[in-house]
Structure formats: structure tokens, C-alpha cells
Amino acid sequence: MTKDSILTIDDTGCPKPYAKNTEAAKWQYCGSLKRPENRNVVVGAAFVSKIKHFPLDVIPYLPADEFG
């Protein structure tokens, strides 16, 4: 990393309004729809500088009840 670069972390989701048995699709607030919706969410990390930017990692967000 340089003084002109940053690490960004962001989440994004895909609404799944009709998904009944889709793994990790849970009722969560959706910012783009401005209301709760059944959806999948991923969290991503990226390196960003004045010269270049590229993704480092993208992982699905799994609610705690997926593990129980």
C-alpha cells in the first residue's frame, strides 16, 4: 500500500423475492429498494489507488442461523 491508496470494503445484495429454498437468501434490509427483502449478500474488498484498482476478495455473507 502507498499513501495514495486505500482498501475498500463494501457489501452488495441481490434481491430474491421468490426464493424459498435458496441457500443464504434471508430477509434483510435492501438499500437499493429502501425496504427489507429476501436476498443474498456478498462482501467484497478491493485495492484502490490513483493508478489502478482491483478486487482482493469477495465472500458470501451467511447469517448466523445458516450454521445452526
C-alpha atoms as a PDB file:
ATOM      1  CA  MET A   1       0.000   0.000   0.000  1.00  0.00           C
ATOM      2  CA  THR A   2       1.088   3.547  -0.630  1.00  0.00           C
ATOM      3  CA  LYS A   3      -0.049   6.801   0.909  1.00  0.00           C
ATOM      4  CA  ASP A   4      -2.278   7.354  -2.153  1.00  0.00           C
ATOM      5  CA  SER A   5      -4.099   4.025  -1.922  1.00  0.00           C
ATOM      6  CA  ILE A   6      -6.917   2.642   0.190  1.00  0.00           C
ATOM      7  CA  LEU A   7      -8.567  -0.654   0.996  1.00  0.00           C
ATOM      8  CA  THR A   8     -12.321  -0.547   0.391  1.00  0.00           C
ATOM      9  CA  ILE A   9     -14.840  -2.940   1.895  1.00  0.00           C
ATOM     10  CA  ASP A  10     -18.378  -2.962   0.547  1.00  0.00           C
ATOM     11  CA  ASP A  11     -21.441  -5.156   0.558  1.00  0.00           C
ATOM     12  CA  THR A  12     -23.914  -5.726  -2.213  1.00  0.00           C
ATOM     13  CA  GLY A  13     -27.024  -7.814  -2.454  1.00  0.00           C
ATOM     14  CA  CYS A  14     -29.244  -9.462  -4.996  1.00  0.00           C
ATOM     15  CA  PRO A  15     -32.976  -9.476  -4.172  1.00  0.00           C
ATOM     16  CA  LYS A  16     -34.560 -12.933  -4.330  1.00  0.00           C
ATOM     17  CA  PRO A  17     -38.238 -12.160  -3.673  1.00  0.00           C
ATOM     18  CA  TYR A  18     -39.465 -15.600  -4.760  1.00  0.00           C
ATOM     19  CA  ALA A  19     -36.598 -17.701  -3.362  1.00  0.00           C
ATOM     20  CA  LYS A  20     -37.943 -20.146  -0.800  1.00  0.00           C
ATOM     21  CA  ASN A  21     -35.015 -22.573  -0.569  1.00  0.00           C
ATOM     22  CA  THR A  22     -32.045 -20.592  -1.907  1.00  0.00           C
ATOM     23  CA  GLU A  23     -29.034 -21.044   0.374  1.00  0.00           C
ATOM     24  CA  ALA A  24     -28.180 -17.861   2.332  1.00  0.00           C
ATOM     25  CA  ALA A  25     -31.162 -15.918   0.933  1.00  0.00           C
ATOM     26  CA  LYS A  26     -32.560 -14.240   4.036  1.00  0.00           C
ATOM     27  CA  TRP A  27     -34.928 -11.415   4.903  1.00  0.00           C
ATOM     28  CA  GLN A  28     -32.597  -8.382   5.175  1.00  0.00           C
ATOM     29  CA  TYR A  29     -32.752  -4.645   4.592  1.00  0.00           C
ATOM     30  CA  CYS A  30     -32.001  -3.747   0.955  1.00  0.00           C
ATOM     31  CA  GLY A  31     -30.675  -0.202   0.481  1.00  0.00           C
ATOM     32  CA  SER A  32     -31.435  -0.027  -3.239  1.00  0.00           C
ATOM     33  CA  LEU A  33     -35.070  -0.983  -2.621  1.00  0.00           C
ATOM     34  CA  LYS A  34     -35.240   1.006   0.664  1.00  0.00           C
ATOM     35  CA  ARG A  35     -37.082  -1.843   2.381  1.00  0.00           C
ATOM     36  CA  PRO A  36     -36.471  -5.351   3.740  1.00  0.00           C
ATOM     37  CA  GLU A  37     -36.353  -8.069   1.083  1.00  0.00           C
ATOM     38  CA  ASN A  38     -35.373 -11.719   0.796  1.00  0.00           C
ATOM     39  CA  ARG A  39     -31.877 -11.543  -0.738  1.00  0.00           C
ATOM     40  CA  ASN A  40     -28.328 -12.857  -0.992  1.00  0.00           C
ATOM     41  CA  VAL A  41     -25.471 -10.619   0.159  1.00  0.00           C
ATOM     42  CA  VAL A  42     -21.743 -10.657  -0.656  1.00  0.00           C
ATOM     43  CA  VAL A  43     -18.972  -8.625   0.950  1.00  0.00           C
ATOM     44  CA  GLY A  44     -16.017  -7.547  -1.139  1.00  0.00           C
ATOM     45  CA  ALA A  45     -12.608  -5.994  -0.524  1.00  0.00           C
ATOM     46  CA  ALA A  46     -10.692  -4.042  -3.159  1.00  0.00           C
ATOM     47  CA  PHE A  47      -7.420  -2.133  -3.504  1.00  0.00           C
ATOM     48  CA  VAL A  48      -7.899   1.357  -4.934  1.00  0.00           C
ATOM     49  CA  SER A  49      -5.214   3.886  -5.941  1.00  0.00           C
ATOM     50  CA  LYS A  50      -4.891   6.745  -8.409  1.00  0.00           C
ATOM     51  CA  ILE A  51      -3.286   4.389 -10.918  1.00  0.00           C
ATOM     52  CA  LYS A  52      -5.230   1.141 -10.570  1.00  0.00           C
ATOM     53  CA  HIS A  53      -7.897  -0.718  -8.658  1.00  0.00           C
ATOM     54  CA  PHE A  54      -8.593  -4.424  -8.364  1.00  0.00           C
ATOM     55  CA  PRO A  55     -10.652  -6.795  -6.209  1.00  0.00           C
ATOM     56  CA  LEU A  56      -8.896  -8.694  -3.445  1.00  0.00           C
ATOM     57  CA  ASP A  57     -11.658 -10.945  -2.142  1.00  0.00           C
ATOM     58  CA  VAL A  58     -15.413 -11.489  -2.385  1.00  0.00           C
ATOM     59  CA  ILE A  59     -17.223 -13.738   0.086  1.00  0.00           C
ATOM     60  CA  PRO A  60     -20.898 -14.503   0.676  1.00  0.00           C
ATOM     61  CA  TYR A  61     -22.444 -13.198   3.869  1.00  0.00           C
ATOM     62  CA  LEU A  62     -24.064 -16.111   5.683  1.00  0.00           C
ATOM     63  CA  PRO A  63     -26.443 -15.213   8.538  1.00  0.00           C
ATOM     64  CA  ALA A  64     -25.776 -16.971  11.874  1.00  0.00           C
ATOM     65  CA  ASP A  65     -28.789 -19.272  11.525  1.00  0.00           C
ATOM     66  CA  GLU A  66     -27.190 -20.847   8.425  1.00  0.00           C
ATOM     67  CA  PHE A  67     -24.671 -22.524  10.758  1.00  0.00           C
ATOM     68  CA  GLY A  68     -27.150 -23.862  13.331  1.00  0.00           C
END
